[in-house]
């Protein structure tokens, strides 16, 4: 009888812990996306699993790009992050993993930069609802780590894409020579990240 009660008690504890983790999977993704939108990378790291370094590399790359680029470019990167809007469209649970599909509306920065390269004018476009936007679909995979949901994969953007976007913006905003210097620094940073992982 004691074994049955003990087994039932352990089952309730495990189920309760798993339910708590499952209930918060969408919240974890929302908090991560909010942290990235607000350029709060230290907070964003707290939602990432230690199982996959891809997301961490991407966040570190964005931080590095913001350190080495002039304020004009950094302001535009910040505006692009702040203007993005995401919505969870579906959640699929299986055992100790969770797949969350996300629909995003993100600034079409190539189109925006054809209109203006002035951060204040971009802010004005955003405030008036005139900022060109485009749709993107993404997916987050979460795993349970230390009893909490953590994001282990994000499908939709990689550090290579982030580097390309940054250097394209740099060329449009700063000119070809300065963009080439930034690209060289980014390439070195990526090689060091790849070597150290």
N, C-alpha and C. Protein backbone atom coordinates (compact mmCIF):
# COMPACT_ATOMS: atom_id res chain seq x y z
N UNK A 1 0.82 -1.20 0.00
CA UNK A 1 0.00 0.00 0.00
C UNK A 1 0.86 1.26 0.00
N UNK A 2 1.93 1.24 0.83
CA UNK A 2 2.82 2.41 0.89
C UNK A 2 3.47 2.67 -0.47
N UNK A 3 3.82 1.57 -1.19
CA UNK A 3 4.44 1.72 -2.51
C UNK A 3 3.49 2.39 -3.49
N UNK A 4 2.21 2.01 -3.43
CA UNK A 4 1.21 2.60 -4.33
C UNK A 4 1.05 4.09 -4.04
N UNK A 5 0.95 4.44 -2.76
CA UNK A 5 0.81 5.85 -2.36
C UNK A 5 2.05 6.64 -2.78
N UNK A 6 3.23 6.09 -2.56
CA UNK A 6 4.48 6.76 -2.91
C UNK A 6 4.56 6.95 -4.43
N UNK A 7 4.23 5.91 -5.19
CA UNK A 7 4.25 6.01 -6.66
C UNK A 7 3.26 7.06 -7.14
N UNK A 8 2.07 7.07 -6.57
CA UNK A 8 1.06 8.07 -6.95
C UNK A 8 1.55 9.48 -6.61
N UNK A 9 2.17 9.64 -5.45
CA UNK A 9 2.69 10.94 -5.02
C UNK A 9 3.78 11.43 -5.98
N UNK A 10 4.71 10.55 -6.33
CA UNK A 10 5.79 10.92 -7.27
C UNK A 10 5.20 11.27 -8.63
N UNK A 11 4.22 10.50 -9.10
CA UNK A 11 3.57 10.78 -10.38
C UNK A 11 2.93 12.16 -10.39
N UNK A 12 2.26 12.51 -9.30
CA UNK A 12 1.62 13.83 -9.20
C UNK A 12 2.68 14.94 -9.25
N UNK A 13 3.79 14.76 -8.53
CA UNK A 13 4.86 15.76 -8.52
C UNK A 13 5.44 15.93 -9.92
N UNK A 14 5.76 14.82 -10.59
CA UNK A 14 6.34 14.88 -11.94
C UNK A 14 5.36 15.53 -12.90
N UNK A 15 4.08 15.09 -12.85
CA UNK A 15 3.07 15.65 -13.74
C UNK A 15 2.87 17.14 -13.50
N UNK A 16 2.83 17.53 -12.22
CA UNK A 16 2.66 18.94 -11.88
C UNK A 16 3.82 19.77 -12.39
N UNK A 17 5.05 19.25 -12.22
CA UNK A 17 6.23 19.97 -12.70
C UNK A 17 6.22 20.11 -14.21
N UNK A 18 5.85 19.02 -14.91
CA UNK A 18 5.79 19.06 -16.36
C UNK A 18 4.69 20.00 -16.82
N UNK A 19 3.54 19.96 -16.15
CA UNK A 19 2.44 20.85 -16.53
C UNK A 19 2.85 22.31 -16.36
N UNK A 20 3.54 22.61 -15.26
CA UNK A 20 4.00 23.97 -15.03
C UNK A 20 4.92 24.41 -16.16
N UNK A 21 5.86 23.52 -16.54
CA UNK A 21 6.78 23.84 -17.64
C UNK A 21 6.00 24.01 -18.94
N UNK A 22 5.01 23.10 -19.21
CA UNK A 22 4.24 23.19 -20.44
C UNK A 22 3.41 24.47 -20.48
N UNK A 23 2.84 24.84 -19.36
CA UNK A 23 2.03 26.04 -19.32
C UNK A 23 2.84 27.29 -19.64
N UNK A 24 4.14 27.25 -19.40
CA UNK A 24 4.94 28.45 -19.59
C UNK A 24 5.73 28.46 -20.90
N UNK A 25 5.57 27.45 -21.77
CA UNK A 25 6.36 27.41 -23.01
C UNK A 25 6.10 28.63 -23.90
N UNK A 26 4.83 28.98 -24.09
CA UNK A 26 4.50 30.15 -24.90
C UNK A 26 4.99 31.43 -24.25
N UNK A 27 4.89 31.49 -22.94
CA UNK A 27 5.36 32.67 -22.21
C UNK A 27 6.86 32.85 -22.37
N UNK A 28 7.60 31.74 -22.34
CA UNK A 28 9.06 31.81 -22.52
C UNK A 28 9.39 32.40 -23.88
N UNK A 29 8.70 31.93 -24.93
CA UNK A 29 8.95 32.45 -26.28
C UNK A 29 8.59 33.92 -26.35
N UNK A 30 7.45 34.30 -25.78
CA UNK A 30 7.04 35.71 -25.81
C UNK A 30 8.05 36.60 -25.08
N UNK A 31 8.54 36.13 -23.93
CA UNK A 31 9.53 36.92 -23.18
C UNK A 31 10.85 37.03 -23.94
N UNK A 32 11.25 35.94 -24.59
CA UNK A 32 12.48 35.97 -25.40
C UNK A 32 12.34 36.98 -26.55
N UNK A 33 11.22 36.91 -27.28
CA UNK A 33 11.01 37.83 -28.40
C UNK A 33 10.96 39.28 -27.92
N UNK A 34 10.31 39.50 -26.79
CA UNK A 34 10.23 40.85 -26.22
C UNK A 34 11.63 41.36 -25.84
N UNK A 35 12.44 40.49 -25.26
CA UNK A 35 13.81 40.89 -24.88
C UNK A 35 14.63 41.26 -26.12
N UNK A 36 14.50 40.47 -27.20
CA UNK A 36 15.23 40.77 -28.43
C UNK A 36 14.73 42.09 -29.02
N UNK A 37 13.39 42.28 -29.05
CA UNK A 37 12.83 43.54 -29.57
C UNK A 37 13.36 44.74 -28.79
N UNK A 38 13.54 44.57 -27.48
CA UNK A 38 14.00 45.67 -26.62
C UNK A 38 15.52 45.72 -26.49
N UNK A 39 16.21 44.89 -27.28
CA UNK A 39 17.68 44.84 -27.26
C UNK A 39 18.24 44.53 -25.88
N UNK A 40 17.50 43.74 -25.12
CA UNK A 40 17.92 43.32 -23.78
C UNK A 40 18.47 41.90 -23.89
N UNK A 41 19.71 41.80 -24.39
CA UNK A 41 20.28 40.51 -24.73
C UNK A 41 20.61 39.67 -23.50
N UNK A 42 20.96 40.30 -22.40
CA UNK A 42 21.21 39.53 -21.18
C UNK A 42 19.94 38.79 -20.76
N UNK A 43 18.81 39.46 -20.86
CA UNK A 43 17.54 38.81 -20.53
C UNK A 43 17.21 37.73 -21.55
N UNK A 44 17.47 38.00 -22.83
CA UNK A 44 17.20 37.01 -23.88
C UNK A 44 17.98 35.72 -23.62
N UNK A 45 19.25 35.86 -23.17
CA UNK A 45 20.06 34.68 -22.88
C UNK A 45 19.41 33.78 -21.84
N UNK A 46 18.67 34.36 -20.90
CA UNK A 46 18.10 33.57 -19.81
C UNK A 46 17.02 32.58 -20.28
N UNK A 47 16.53 32.75 -21.52
CA UNK A 47 15.50 31.87 -22.05
C UNK A 47 16.06 30.81 -23.00
N UNK A 48 17.37 30.80 -23.19
CA UNK A 48 18.02 29.93 -24.17
C UNK A 48 18.59 28.69 -23.49
N UNK A 49 18.45 27.55 -24.16
CA UNK A 49 19.01 26.29 -23.68
C UNK A 49 20.53 26.27 -23.90
N UNK A 50 21.20 25.53 -23.05
CA UNK A 50 22.64 25.32 -23.21
C UNK A 50 22.92 24.25 -24.26
N UNK A 51 21.87 23.58 -24.74
CA UNK A 51 22.02 22.46 -25.68
C UNK A 51 22.42 22.89 -27.09
N UNK A 52 22.14 24.13 -27.47
CA UNK A 52 22.42 24.58 -28.83
C UNK A 52 23.00 25.99 -28.79
N UNK A 53 24.16 26.16 -29.39
CA UNK A 53 24.83 27.47 -29.33
C UNK A 53 24.44 28.40 -30.48
N UNK A 54 23.63 27.94 -31.43
CA UNK A 54 23.29 28.76 -32.60
C UNK A 54 22.63 30.07 -32.20
N UNK A 55 21.64 30.01 -31.31
CA UNK A 55 20.93 31.22 -30.90
C UNK A 55 21.87 32.14 -30.12
N UNK A 56 22.68 31.54 -29.26
CA UNK A 56 23.62 32.34 -28.47
C UNK A 56 24.60 33.05 -29.40
N UNK A 57 25.08 32.35 -30.44
CA UNK A 57 25.99 32.98 -31.42
C UNK A 57 25.30 34.15 -32.11
N UNK A 58 24.03 33.96 -32.46
CA UNK A 58 23.29 35.01 -33.14
C UNK A 58 23.16 36.25 -32.24
N UNK A 59 22.80 36.02 -30.97
CA UNK A 59 22.66 37.15 -30.04
C UNK A 59 24.00 37.85 -29.81
N UNK A 60 25.07 37.07 -29.67
CA UNK A 60 26.40 37.66 -29.48
C UNK A 60 26.82 38.45 -30.71
N UNK A 61 26.48 37.94 -31.90
CA UNK A 61 26.82 38.65 -33.12
C UNK A 61 26.11 39.99 -33.18
N UNK A 62 24.82 40.01 -32.84
CA UNK A 62 24.08 41.28 -32.85
C UNK A 62 24.73 42.26 -31.87
N UNK A 63 25.07 41.79 -30.67
CA UNK A 63 25.74 42.66 -29.69
C UNK A 63 27.05 43.19 -30.25
N UNK A 64 27.83 42.33 -30.90
CA UNK A 64 29.11 42.74 -31.46
C UNK A 64 28.91 43.78 -32.57
N UNK A 65 27.96 43.51 -33.46
CA UNK A 65 27.69 44.45 -34.55
C UNK A 65 27.35 45.83 -33.99
N UNK A 66 26.54 45.84 -32.92
CA UNK A 66 26.15 47.12 -32.34
C UNK A 66 27.33 47.84 -31.68
N UNK A 67 28.35 47.08 -31.24
CA UNK A 67 29.53 47.70 -30.64
C UNK A 67 30.44 48.34 -31.69
N UNK A 68 30.52 47.73 -32.88
CA UNK A 68 31.52 48.19 -33.87
C UNK A 68 30.94 49.14 -34.91
N UNK A 69 29.64 49.34 -34.92
CA UNK A 69 29.05 50.19 -35.95
C UNK A 69 28.73 51.57 -35.40
N UNK A 70 28.74 52.56 -36.28
CA UNK A 70 28.39 53.92 -35.85
C UNK A 70 26.94 54.00 -35.35
N UNK A 71 26.68 55.01 -34.56
CA UNK A 71 25.38 55.20 -33.93
C UNK A 71 24.24 55.22 -34.94
N UNK A 72 24.46 55.82 -36.13
CA UNK A 72 23.39 55.88 -37.13
C UNK A 72 22.89 54.49 -37.50
N UNK A 73 23.82 53.56 -37.68
CA UNK A 73 23.46 52.19 -38.04
C UNK A 73 22.84 51.47 -36.85
N UNK A 74 23.40 51.66 -35.67
CA UNK A 74 22.87 51.04 -34.45
C UNK A 74 21.43 51.46 -34.20
N UNK A 75 21.13 52.75 -34.40
CA UNK A 75 19.76 53.24 -34.20
C UNK A 75 18.79 52.54 -35.14
N UNK A 76 19.22 52.30 -36.38
CA UNK A 76 18.34 51.65 -37.36
C UNK A 76 18.14 50.18 -37.00
N UNK A 77 19.19 49.51 -36.53
CA UNK A 77 19.06 48.12 -36.08
C UNK A 77 18.06 48.05 -34.91
N UNK A 78 18.19 48.98 -33.96
CA UNK A 78 17.27 49.03 -32.82
C UNK A 78 15.83 49.27 -33.27
N UNK A 79 15.66 50.20 -34.22
CA UNK A 79 14.31 50.48 -34.73
C UNK A 79 13.71 49.24 -35.39
N UNK A 80 14.53 48.53 -36.17
CA UNK A 80 14.04 47.32 -36.85
C UNK A 80 13.58 46.29 -35.82
N UNK A 81 14.36 46.10 -34.75
CA UNK A 81 13.96 45.15 -33.70
C UNK A 81 12.68 45.60 -33.01
N UNK A 82 12.60 46.87 -32.65
CA UNK A 82 11.45 47.39 -31.91
C UNK A 82 10.16 47.35 -32.73
N UNK A 83 10.28 47.47 -34.05
CA UNK A 83 9.08 47.52 -34.90
C UNK A 83 8.51 46.14 -35.19
N UNK A 84 9.27 45.08 -34.96
CA UNK A 84 8.80 43.72 -35.26
C UNK A 84 7.65 43.33 -34.34
N UNK A 85 6.69 42.61 -34.90
CA UNK A 85 5.55 42.12 -34.13
C UNK A 85 5.39 40.63 -34.40
N UNK A 86 5.31 39.86 -33.33
CA UNK A 86 5.17 38.41 -33.47
C UNK A 86 3.92 37.93 -32.76
N UNK A 87 3.38 36.83 -33.30
CA UNK A 87 2.20 36.22 -32.70
C UNK A 87 2.37 34.70 -32.77
N UNK A 88 2.12 34.04 -31.66
CA UNK A 88 2.17 32.58 -31.63
C UNK A 88 0.92 32.05 -32.33
N UNK A 89 1.13 31.18 -33.34
CA UNK A 89 -0.01 30.65 -34.09
C UNK A 89 -0.36 29.22 -33.70
N UNK A 90 0.63 28.47 -33.19
CA UNK A 90 0.31 27.12 -32.74
C UNK A 90 1.38 26.60 -31.79
N UNK A 91 0.96 25.70 -30.93
CA UNK A 91 1.86 25.06 -29.96
C UNK A 91 1.62 23.56 -30.03
N UNK A 92 2.71 22.81 -30.16
CA UNK A 92 2.61 21.36 -30.24
C UNK A 92 3.55 20.73 -29.22
N UNK A 93 2.97 19.99 -28.28
CA UNK A 93 3.75 19.35 -27.22
C UNK A 93 3.94 17.87 -27.51
N UNK A 94 5.15 17.37 -27.23
CA UNK A 94 5.38 15.93 -27.29
C UNK A 94 6.48 15.59 -26.30
N UNK A 95 6.16 14.74 -25.35
CA UNK A 95 7.11 14.34 -24.31
C UNK A 95 7.73 15.57 -23.65
N UNK A 96 9.04 15.74 -23.83
CA UNK A 96 9.72 16.86 -23.18
C UNK A 96 10.16 17.92 -24.18
N UNK A 97 9.49 17.99 -25.34
CA UNK A 97 9.78 19.05 -26.30
C UNK A 97 8.50 19.79 -26.65
N UNK A 98 8.67 20.98 -27.18
CA UNK A 98 7.53 21.80 -27.58
C UNK A 98 7.91 22.56 -28.85
N UNK A 99 7.03 22.54 -29.84
CA UNK A 99 7.22 23.30 -31.07
C UNK A 99 6.23 24.45 -31.06
N UNK A 100 6.72 25.66 -31.22
CA UNK A 100 5.84 26.83 -31.25
C UNK A 100 6.05 27.54 -32.58
N UNK A 101 4.97 27.66 -33.35
CA UNK A 101 5.02 28.37 -34.63
C UNK A 101 4.66 29.82 -34.40
N UNK A 102 5.39 30.68 -35.11
CA UNK A 102 5.24 32.12 -34.92
C UNK A 102 5.02 32.81 -36.26
N UNK A 103 4.06 33.72 -36.28
CA UNK A 103 3.85 34.57 -37.45
C UNK A 103 4.42 35.94 -37.09
N UNK A 104 5.28 36.47 -37.95
CA UNK A 104 5.92 37.76 -37.67
C UNK A 104 5.61 38.77 -38.75
N UNK A 105 5.48 39.99 -38.32
CA UNK A 105 5.47 41.14 -39.23
C UNK A 105 6.72 41.92 -38.86
N UNK A 106 7.66 41.98 -39.80
CA UNK A 106 8.92 42.65 -39.54
C UNK A 106 9.13 43.78 -40.54
N UNK A 107 9.88 44.80 -40.15
CA UNK A 107 10.13 45.89 -41.10
C UNK A 107 10.87 45.38 -42.32
N UNK A 108 10.43 45.83 -43.48
CA UNK A 108 11.15 45.56 -44.72
C UNK A 108 12.21 46.66 -44.81
N UNK A 109 13.37 46.38 -44.21
CA UNK A 109 14.39 47.43 -44.09
C UNK A 109 15.00 47.82 -45.43
N UNK A 110 15.07 46.89 -46.37
CA UNK A 110 15.59 47.26 -47.70
C UNK A 110 14.69 48.31 -48.33
N UNK A 111 13.38 48.07 -48.26
CA UNK A 111 12.42 49.03 -48.81
C UNK A 111 12.44 50.33 -48.01
N UNK A 112 12.50 50.22 -46.69
CA UNK A 112 12.53 51.40 -45.82
C UNK A 112 13.74 52.27 -46.15
N UNK A 113 14.90 51.64 -46.31
CA UNK A 113 16.13 52.40 -46.57
C UNK A 113 16.15 53.02 -47.97
N UNK A 114 15.30 52.52 -48.86
CA UNK A 114 15.14 53.18 -50.17
C UNK A 114 14.36 54.49 -50.01
N UNK A 115 13.45 54.49 -49.01
CA UNK A 115 12.64 55.68 -48.74
C UNK A 115 13.47 56.71 -47.98
N UNK A 116 14.11 56.27 -46.90
CA UNK A 116 14.93 57.17 -46.08
C UNK A 116 15.96 56.38 -45.28
N UNK A 117 17.07 57.03 -44.99
CA UNK A 117 18.10 56.42 -44.15
C UNK A 117 18.25 57.19 -42.84
N UNK A 118 17.35 58.11 -42.61
CA UNK A 118 17.37 58.93 -41.42
C UNK A 118 16.57 58.25 -40.31
N UNK A 119 17.21 57.91 -39.17
CA UNK A 119 16.49 57.23 -38.09
C UNK A 119 15.24 57.97 -37.61
N UNK A 120 15.29 59.30 -37.58
CA UNK A 120 14.11 60.07 -37.13
C UNK A 120 12.95 59.93 -38.10
N UNK A 121 13.26 59.92 -39.41
CA UNK A 121 12.21 59.75 -40.41
C UNK A 121 11.65 58.32 -40.36
N UNK A 122 12.51 57.35 -40.08
CA UNK A 122 12.05 55.96 -39.94
C UNK A 122 11.12 55.85 -38.74
N UNK A 123 11.48 56.52 -37.62
CA UNK A 123 10.60 56.53 -36.45
C UNK A 123 9.25 57.15 -36.80
N UNK A 124 9.28 58.21 -37.59
CA UNK A 124 8.05 58.88 -38.00
C UNK A 124 7.18 57.96 -38.86
N UNK A 125 7.81 57.25 -39.79
CA UNK A 125 7.08 56.27 -40.61
C UNK A 125 6.44 55.21 -39.73
N UNK A 126 7.18 54.74 -38.74
CA UNK A 126 6.68 53.71 -37.82
C UNK A 126 5.48 54.24 -37.02
N UNK A 127 5.60 55.46 -36.51
CA UNK A 127 4.53 56.07 -35.70
C UNK A 127 3.26 56.28 -36.52
N UNK A 128 3.42 56.60 -37.80
CA UNK A 128 2.25 56.85 -38.67
C UNK A 128 1.71 55.57 -39.30
N UNK A 129 2.37 54.44 -39.05
CA UNK A 129 1.93 53.18 -39.66
C UNK A 129 2.33 53.06 -41.11
N UNK A 130 3.32 53.85 -41.53
CA UNK A 130 3.74 53.84 -42.94
C UNK A 130 5.04 53.10 -43.19
N UNK A 131 5.55 52.41 -42.18
CA UNK A 131 6.79 51.66 -42.34
C UNK A 131 6.51 50.39 -43.16
N UNK A 132 7.23 50.20 -44.27
CA UNK A 132 7.00 48.97 -45.05
C UNK A 132 7.30 47.73 -44.21
N UNK A 133 6.38 46.79 -44.22
CA UNK A 133 6.53 45.56 -43.43
C UNK A 133 6.45 44.35 -44.35
N UNK A 134 6.97 43.23 -43.87
CA UNK A 134 6.83 41.97 -44.60
C UNK A 134 6.56 40.85 -43.60
N UNK A 135 5.93 39.79 -44.11
CA UNK A 135 5.58 38.66 -43.26
C UNK A 135 6.71 37.64 -43.24
N UNK A 136 6.82 36.99 -42.11
CA UNK A 136 7.79 35.90 -41.98
C UNK A 136 7.22 34.87 -41.01
N UNK A 137 7.46 33.62 -41.32
CA UNK A 137 7.05 32.54 -40.43
C UNK A 137 8.28 31.97 -39.76
N UNK A 138 8.14 31.58 -38.52
CA UNK A 138 9.25 31.01 -37.79
C UNK A 138 8.77 29.92 -36.85
N UNK A 139 9.73 29.28 -36.23
CA UNK A 139 9.39 28.21 -35.30
C UNK A 139 10.45 28.13 -34.21
N UNK A 140 10.00 27.97 -33.00
CA UNK A 140 10.90 27.76 -31.86
C UNK A 140 10.72 26.35 -31.36
N UNK A 141 11.82 25.69 -31.08
CA UNK A 141 11.79 24.39 -30.42
C UNK A 141 12.26 24.61 -28.99
N UNK A 142 11.48 24.10 -28.04
CA UNK A 142 11.83 24.23 -26.63
C UNK A 142 12.03 22.86 -26.03
N UNK A 143 12.94 22.80 -25.07
CA UNK A 143 13.16 21.58 -24.31
C UNK A 143 13.10 21.93 -22.82
N UNK A 144 12.87 20.92 -22.02
CA UNK A 144 12.86 21.16 -20.58
C UNK A 144 14.29 20.98 -20.06
N UNK A 145 14.76 22.01 -19.40
CA UNK A 145 16.12 22.02 -18.86
C UNK A 145 16.03 22.54 -17.42
N UNK A 146 16.47 21.76 -16.48
CA UNK A 146 16.38 22.12 -15.06
C UNK A 146 14.95 22.46 -14.65
N UNK A 147 13.98 21.69 -15.19
CA UNK A 147 12.58 21.87 -14.83
C UNK A 147 11.90 23.06 -15.48
N UNK A 148 12.59 23.75 -16.40
CA UNK A 148 12.02 24.94 -17.07
C UNK A 148 12.11 24.76 -18.58
N UNK A 149 11.15 25.34 -19.30
CA UNK A 149 11.25 25.36 -20.75
C UNK A 149 12.37 26.31 -21.14
N UNK A 150 13.19 25.87 -22.09
CA UNK A 150 14.26 26.71 -22.65
C UNK A 150 14.23 26.55 -24.16
N UNK A 151 14.50 27.62 -24.88
CA UNK A 151 14.50 27.58 -26.34
C UNK A 151 15.80 26.95 -26.81
N UNK A 152 15.67 25.87 -27.59
CA UNK A 152 16.87 25.18 -28.06
C UNK A 152 17.15 25.46 -29.54
N UNK A 153 16.13 25.84 -30.30
CA UNK A 153 16.32 26.17 -31.72
C UNK A 153 15.34 27.24 -32.13
N UNK A 154 15.79 28.12 -32.99
CA UNK A 154 14.91 29.12 -33.61
C UNK A 154 15.11 28.98 -35.11
N UNK A 155 14.04 28.69 -35.81
CA UNK A 155 14.11 28.54 -37.25
C UNK A 155 13.66 29.85 -37.89
N UNK A 156 14.44 30.35 -38.82
CA UNK A 156 14.02 31.57 -39.51
C UNK A 156 15.15 32.57 -39.71
N UNK A 157 16.15 32.57 -38.84
CA UNK A 157 17.27 33.49 -39.03
C UNK A 157 18.51 32.88 -38.39
N UNK A 158 19.63 33.10 -39.04
CA UNK A 158 20.90 32.58 -38.51
C UNK A 158 21.87 33.74 -38.37
N UNK A 159 23.00 33.48 -37.76
CA UNK A 159 23.99 34.54 -37.60
C UNK A 159 24.54 34.98 -38.96
N UNK A 160 24.62 34.05 -39.93
CA UNK A 160 25.07 34.44 -41.27
C UNK A 160 24.12 35.46 -41.88
N UNK A 161 22.80 35.22 -41.73
CA UNK A 161 21.82 36.16 -42.26
C UNK A 161 21.93 37.50 -41.54
N UNK A 162 22.12 37.48 -40.23
CA UNK A 162 22.26 38.72 -39.46
C UNK A 162 23.47 39.51 -39.95
N UNK A 163 24.58 38.82 -40.23
CA UNK A 163 25.79 39.49 -40.73
C UNK A 163 25.54 40.11 -42.09
N UNK A 164 24.86 39.37 -42.98
CA UNK A 164 24.55 39.90 -44.32
C UNK A 164 23.66 41.13 -44.22
N UNK A 165 22.63 41.05 -43.36
CA UNK A 165 21.71 42.18 -43.19
C UNK A 165 22.47 43.40 -42.69
N UNK A 166 23.32 43.21 -41.69
CA UNK A 166 24.08 44.33 -41.11
C UNK A 166 25.00 44.96 -42.14
N UNK A 167 25.69 44.14 -42.93
CA UNK A 167 26.63 44.72 -43.90
C UNK A 167 25.87 45.39 -45.05
N UNK A 168 24.71 44.86 -45.42
CA UNK A 168 23.89 45.52 -46.45
C UNK A 168 23.41 46.88 -45.96
N UNK A 169 22.93 46.93 -44.70
CA UNK A 169 22.52 48.20 -44.12
C UNK A 169 23.70 49.16 -44.09
N UNK A 170 24.84 48.66 -43.67
CA UNK A 170 26.03 49.51 -43.55
C UNK A 170 26.39 50.13 -44.89
N UNK A 171 26.31 49.34 -45.95
CA UNK A 171 26.66 49.88 -47.27
C UNK A 171 25.68 50.97 -47.69
N UNK A 172 24.39 50.75 -47.44
CA UNK A 172 23.39 51.75 -47.81
C UNK A 172 23.54 53.02 -46.98
N UNK A 173 23.86 52.87 -45.70
CA UNK A 173 23.87 54.01 -44.79
C UNK A 173 25.23 54.70 -44.72
N UNK A 174 26.30 53.90 -44.70
CA UNK A 174 27.63 54.44 -44.46
C UNK A 174 28.51 54.52 -45.69
N UNK A 175 28.16 53.77 -46.72
CA UNK A 175 28.99 53.74 -47.92
C UNK A 175 29.79 52.45 -48.00
N UNK A 176 30.31 52.19 -49.20
CA UNK A 176 30.94 50.90 -49.49
C UNK A 176 32.20 50.65 -48.68
N UNK A 177 33.08 51.66 -48.56
CA UNK A 177 34.36 51.45 -47.86
C UNK A 177 34.15 51.12 -46.38
N UNK A 178 33.32 51.90 -45.69
CA UNK A 178 33.08 51.66 -44.27
C UNK A 178 32.36 50.32 -44.07
N UNK A 179 31.44 49.99 -44.98
CA UNK A 179 30.73 48.71 -44.90
C UNK A 179 31.71 47.55 -45.06
N UNK A 180 32.69 47.69 -45.93
CA UNK A 180 33.69 46.63 -46.14
C UNK A 180 34.53 46.41 -44.88
N UNK A 181 34.87 47.49 -44.21
CA UNK A 181 35.62 47.36 -42.94
C UNK A 181 34.80 46.64 -41.88
N UNK A 182 33.53 47.00 -41.78
CA UNK A 182 32.63 46.35 -40.81
C UNK A 182 32.50 44.87 -41.15
N UNK A 183 32.35 44.56 -42.46
CA UNK A 183 32.22 43.15 -42.88
C UNK A 183 33.45 42.34 -42.49
N UNK A 184 34.64 42.90 -42.65
CA UNK A 184 35.88 42.19 -42.27
C UNK A 184 35.87 41.87 -40.78
N UNK A 185 35.49 42.85 -39.96
CA UNK A 185 35.44 42.64 -38.51
C UNK A 185 34.41 41.56 -38.14
N UNK A 186 33.25 41.60 -38.81
CA UNK A 186 32.21 40.61 -38.54
C UNK A 186 32.69 39.22 -38.93
N UNK A 187 33.36 39.10 -40.09
CA UNK A 187 33.88 37.81 -40.54
C UNK A 187 34.87 37.23 -39.53
N UNK A 188 35.75 38.07 -38.99
CA UNK A 188 36.71 37.62 -37.98
C UNK A 188 35.97 37.15 -36.73
N UNK A 189 34.99 37.93 -36.30
CA UNK A 189 34.21 37.57 -35.11
C UNK A 189 33.52 36.22 -35.29
N UNK A 190 32.92 36.00 -36.46
CA UNK A 190 32.22 34.73 -36.73
C UNK A 190 33.20 33.56 -36.74
N UNK A 191 34.39 33.76 -37.35
CA UNK A 191 35.40 32.70 -37.36
C UNK A 191 35.83 32.33 -35.94
N UNK A 192 36.00 33.34 -35.08
CA UNK A 192 36.39 33.08 -33.69
C UNK A 192 35.27 32.33 -32.97
N UNK A 193 34.02 32.73 -33.19
CA UNK A 193 32.88 32.02 -32.58
C UNK A 193 32.84 30.58 -33.02
N UNK A 194 33.01 30.35 -34.33
CA UNK A 194 32.98 28.99 -34.88
C UNK A 194 34.11 28.13 -34.31
N UNK A 195 35.28 28.75 -34.18
CA UNK A 195 36.44 28.02 -33.66
C UNK A 195 36.24 27.65 -32.20
N UNK A 196 35.65 28.57 -31.43
CA UNK A 196 35.49 28.34 -29.99
C UNK A 196 34.31 27.45 -29.62
N UNK A 197 33.45 27.14 -30.59
CA UNK A 197 32.27 26.32 -30.24
C UNK A 197 32.51 24.85 -30.50
